[in-house]
Amino acid sequence: MNDQYEEYLQELLEGKDSRTAKSLNKLNGLLKNHYESGETEYSIAHIGRLSKASGGIGEVSIRNQSGKHYQQLIQYWKNRAEDDFQKKPVSELKDVTQKEIELIKDNVSNVLARSYIFSVISERNRLRKEIQNLKNSLKNNYLISLEDSNSTKIKETKVLTPLEVKALKDVLDNNSNFLRKYWTIHENGSVDNEEGEQLFKAGFINAVKKILENET
């Protein structure tokens, strides 16, 4: 495989001056890495930007009439990428249904564009599975608790027993709770005893009421 691209590169280098040869070699190295990383974008505009960013020739030089050899080199690597995808067995597209594969092949002629569409469909199916798993979890008495802006945790729902509900109600009932008669409850929900000492901090009574509201 290496001999194939090296042989083609030598054909392009034949008769070129040292400056052009250097640019061709540099561009070929970039395209080889682009190909080996599985990239599918081989437009002159895209490759030109990558090349210029790495200190090579830019889009204008590639598009010039004198830049035919650069265009041919880009086309060579683009063809190799397309050929590789054509040889990819359908089994590797297991997340894409046969109907979707046939529909895309019938309507999208560009092989690299097909590859991108297949990857989008696979990602869509993966996200669908994750959403379904989350739905199943929520059905099993789970709830989502946002503890901070950066994390989401799944917690099991806790349900109070009738005995626990009655105990909380007694806290608010003067008749059933003897000590309750000597409490002083403030508007902020705090509780003091008969000597003015704080028994429960601000918000305590309000919290109990809210818990009981959710249990009724």
Protein backbone atom coordinates (compact mmCIF):
# COMPACT_ATOMS: atom_id res chain seq x y z
CA MET A 1 0.00 0.00 0.00
CA ASN A 2 2.85 2.37 0.85
CA ASP A 3 4.49 1.60 -2.51
CA GLN A 4 1.33 2.68 -4.31
CA TYR A 5 1.21 6.21 -2.95
CA GLU A 6 5.00 6.59 -3.06
CA GLU A 7 5.01 5.54 -6.69
CA TYR A 8 2.28 8.04 -7.53
CA LEU A 9 4.09 10.77 -5.60
CA GLN A 10 7.27 10.11 -7.57
CA GLU A 11 5.33 10.56 -10.80
CA LEU A 12 4.12 13.96 -9.62
CA LEU A 13 7.61 14.96 -8.45
CA GLU A 14 9.20 14.18 -11.79
CA GLY A 15 10.57 17.32 -13.43
CA LYS A 16 9.54 19.63 -10.57
CA ASP A 17 11.90 22.20 -9.08
CA SER A 18 13.10 21.82 -5.49
CA ARG A 19 10.58 24.30 -4.09
CA THR A 20 7.59 22.57 -5.70
CA ALA A 21 8.95 19.15 -4.72
CA LYS A 22 9.22 20.28 -1.10
CA SER A 23 5.62 21.54 -1.15
CA LEU A 24 4.39 18.29 -2.71
CA ASN A 25 6.16 16.16 -0.11
CA LYS A 26 4.78 18.28 2.72
CA LEU A 27 1.25 18.16 1.30
CA ASN A 28 1.52 14.40 0.82
CA GLY A 29 2.54 13.93 4.46
CA LEU A 30 -0.49 15.95 5.58
CA LEU A 31 -2.85 13.99 3.32
CA LYS A 32 -1.41 10.67 4.49
CA ASN A 33 -2.06 11.59 8.14
CA HIS A 34 -5.51 12.88 7.17
CA TYR A 35 -6.31 9.56 5.50
CA GLU A 36 -4.93 7.37 8.29
CA SER A 37 -6.94 9.26 10.92
CA GLY A 38 -10.15 8.34 9.07
CA GLU A 39 -11.05 11.87 7.98
CA THR A 40 -13.52 12.15 5.10
CA GLU A 41 -13.24 15.82 4.09
CA TYR A 42 -10.94 16.30 1.09
CA SER A 43 -12.20 19.52 -0.45
CA ILE A 44 -9.51 21.89 -1.72
CA ALA A 45 -10.74 24.59 0.65
CA HIS A 46 -10.44 22.30 3.68
CA ILE A 47 -7.09 20.76 2.75
CA GLY A 48 -5.78 24.21 1.81
CA ARG A 49 -6.60 25.55 5.28
CA LEU A 50 -4.95 22.58 6.99
CA SER A 51 -1.88 22.84 4.79
CA LYS A 52 -1.44 26.57 5.33
CA ALA A 53 -1.89 26.17 9.09
CA SER A 54 0.95 23.63 9.11
CA GLY A 55 3.28 25.88 7.12
CA GLY A 56 2.53 24.46 3.68
CA ILE A 57 0.84 25.80 0.56
CA GLY A 58 -2.59 27.39 0.83
CA GLU A 59 -5.86 27.08 -1.06
CA VAL A 60 -4.95 29.71 -3.67
CA SER A 61 -1.73 27.91 -4.65
CA ILE A 62 -3.61 24.64 -4.97
CA ARG A 63 -6.35 26.14 -7.16
CA ASN A 64 -3.94 27.98 -9.48
CA GLN A 65 -3.44 26.70 -13.00
CA SER A 66 0.11 25.81 -11.97
CA GLY A 67 -1.19 23.80 -9.02
CA LYS A 68 -2.62 20.86 -10.98
CA HIS A 69 -0.16 18.46 -9.34
CA TYR A 70 -1.45 19.49 -5.89
CA GLN A 71 -5.04 18.91 -7.00
CA GLN A 72 -4.11 15.51 -8.41
CA LEU A 73 -2.46 14.50 -5.14
CA ILE A 74 -5.54 15.52 -3.13
CA GLN A 75 -7.77 13.60 -5.54
CA TYR A 76 -5.57 10.52 -5.17
CA TRP A 77 -6.00 10.41 -1.37
CA LYS A 78 -9.70 11.22 -1.67
CA ASN A 79 -10.16 8.26 -4.03
CA ARG A 80 -8.33 5.97 -1.60
CA ALA A 81 -10.60 7.05 1.24
CA GLU A 82 -13.68 6.41 -0.90
CA ASP A 83 -12.39 3.01 -2.02
CA ASP A 84 -11.78 1.98 1.59
CA PHE A 85 -15.33 2.89 2.52
CA GLN A 86 -16.74 0.97 -0.44
CA LYS A 87 -14.93 -2.14 0.82
CA LYS A 88 -16.27 -1.73 4.35
CA PRO A 89 -18.59 -4.66 5.11
CA VAL A 90 -22.20 -3.84 5.88
CA SER A 91 -21.76 -5.66 9.21
CA GLU A 92 -19.81 -2.63 10.45
CA LEU A 93 -22.98 -0.60 9.97
CA LYS A 94 -24.89 -2.71 12.50
CA ASP A 95 -26.57 0.36 14.02
CA VAL A 96 -28.05 1.31 10.63
CA THR A 97 -31.01 -0.65 9.27
CA GLN A 98 -30.83 -2.24 5.84
CA LYS A 99 -33.67 -0.01 4.69
CA GLU A 100 -31.71 3.09 5.72
CA ILE A 101 -28.56 1.82 3.99
CA GLU A 102 -30.42 1.23 0.71
CA LEU A 103 -32.22 4.58 0.92
CA ILE A 104 -28.96 6.48 1.42
CA LYS A 105 -27.13 4.58 -1.32
CA ASP A 106 -29.96 5.31 -3.76
CA ASN A 107 -30.07 9.04 -2.99
CA VAL A 108 -26.49 10.00 -2.03
CA SER A 109 -23.86 9.40 -4.68
CA ASN A 110 -20.86 10.76 -2.77
CA VAL A 111 -19.34 7.91 -0.78
CA LEU A 112 -17.79 10.14 1.88
CA ALA A 113 -21.11 11.91 2.37
CA ARG A 114 -22.72 8.50 2.89
CA SER A 115 -20.13 7.68 5.52
CA TYR A 116 -20.94 10.86 7.41
CA ILE A 117 -24.70 10.20 7.23
CA PHE A 118 -24.21 6.64 8.51
CA SER A 119 -22.19 7.94 11.47
CA VAL A 120 -24.94 10.47 12.29
CA ILE A 121 -27.58 7.72 12.22
CA SER A 122 -25.46 5.50 14.48
CA GLU A 123 -25.06 8.34 16.97
CA ARG A 124 -28.80 9.02 16.85
CA ASN A 125 -29.57 5.38 17.62
CA ARG A 126 -27.07 5.37 20.48
CA LEU A 127 -28.73 8.43 22.04
CA ARG A 128 -32.16 6.85 21.62
CA LYS A 129 -31.01 3.83 23.61
CA GLU A 130 -29.64 6.04 26.38
CA ILE A 131 -32.92 7.97 26.58
CA GLN A 132 -34.91 4.73 26.74
CA ASN A 133 -32.68 3.41 29.52
CA LEU A 134 -33.23 6.63 31.46
CA LYS A 135 -37.00 6.35 30.98
CA ASN A 136 -36.91 2.80 32.31
CA SER A 137 -34.96 3.97 35.36
CA LEU A 138 -37.48 6.73 36.08
CA LYS A 139 -40.33 4.22 35.92
CA ASN A 140 -38.71 2.23 38.72
CA ASN A 141 -39.32 4.93 41.36
CA TYR A 142 -36.23 6.97 40.58
CA LEU A 143 -35.96 10.71 40.32
CA ILE A 144 -33.33 13.14 39.01
CA SER A 145 -31.77 15.43 41.60
CA LEU A 146 -29.78 18.43 40.35
CA GLU A 147 -27.31 18.97 43.18
CA ASP A 148 -25.22 21.50 41.29
CA SER A 149 -24.96 22.99 37.81
CA ASN A 150 -22.34 20.49 36.67
CA SER A 151 -23.66 17.11 37.80
CA THR A 152 -26.88 15.13 37.67
CA LYS A 153 -27.41 12.21 40.02
CA ILE A 154 -30.02 9.51 40.09
CA LYS A 155 -31.51 8.90 43.55
CA GLU A 156 -34.00 6.34 44.73
CA THR A 157 -37.29 7.86 45.88
CA LYS A 158 -37.85 7.59 49.64
CA VAL A 159 -41.46 7.13 50.78
CA LEU A 160 -42.51 7.76 54.39
CA THR A 161 -44.33 5.00 56.24
CA PRO A 162 -47.71 5.77 57.90
CA LEU A 163 -45.97 5.65 61.30
CA GLU A 164 -43.42 8.26 60.19
CA VAL A 165 -46.16 10.52 58.81
CA LYS A 166 -48.05 10.33 62.11
CA ALA A 167 -44.90 11.21 64.04
CA LEU A 168 -44.43 14.36 61.95
CA LYS A 169 -48.08 15.34 62.37
CA ASP A 170 -47.71 15.05 66.14
CA VAL A 171 -45.01 17.72 65.99
CA LEU A 172 -47.66 20.20 64.85
CA ASP A 173 -50.56 18.94 66.99
CA ASN A 174 -51.17 20.66 70.35
CA ASN A 175 -53.54 17.94 71.54
CA SER A 176 -51.37 14.88 70.90
CA ASN A 177 -48.01 16.42 71.78
CA PHE A 178 -47.87 17.62 75.40
CA LEU A 179 -44.52 19.38 74.98
CA ARG A 180 -45.83 21.15 71.88
CA LYS A 181 -48.05 23.27 74.17
CA TYR A 182 -44.97 24.95 75.61
CA TRP A 183 -43.34 25.72 72.30
CA THR A 184 -43.17 29.15 70.76
CA ILE A 185 -43.22 28.95 66.97
CA HIS A 186 -41.92 31.96 65.10
CA GLU A 187 -42.82 33.11 61.58
CA ASN A 188 -39.44 31.97 60.27
CA GLY A 189 -40.23 28.40 61.34
CA SER A 190 -37.89 28.28 64.34
CA VAL A 191 -39.05 26.85 67.68
CA ASP A 192 -38.23 28.02 71.25
CA ASN A 193 -39.08 26.32 74.54
CA GLU A 194 -40.85 28.00 77.44
CA GLU A 195 -37.57 29.48 78.65
CA GLY A 196 -36.86 31.10 75.31
CA GLU A 197 -34.16 28.64 74.31
CA GLN A 198 -34.12 27.62 70.67
CA LEU A 199 -35.12 24.01 70.12
CA PHE A 200 -35.20 24.01 66.31
CA LYS A 201 -33.61 26.39 63.84
CA ALA A 202 -35.41 28.67 61.41
CA GLY A 203 -37.31 26.76 58.73
CA PHE A 204 -37.94 23.63 60.81
CA ILE A 205 -41.74 23.91 61.08
CA ASN A 206 -42.03 25.01 57.44
CA ALA A 207 -40.00 21.98 56.35
CA VAL A 208 -42.24 19.61 58.30
CA LYS A 209 -45.35 21.14 56.73
CA LYS A 210 -43.94 20.78 53.21
CA ILE A 211 -43.04 17.14 53.81
CA LEU A 212 -46.56 16.41 55.02
CA GLU A 213 -48.07 18.22 52.02
CA ASN A 214 -46.16 15.90 49.68
CA GLU A 215 -47.42 12.87 51.58
CA THR A 216 -51.11 13.76 51.27
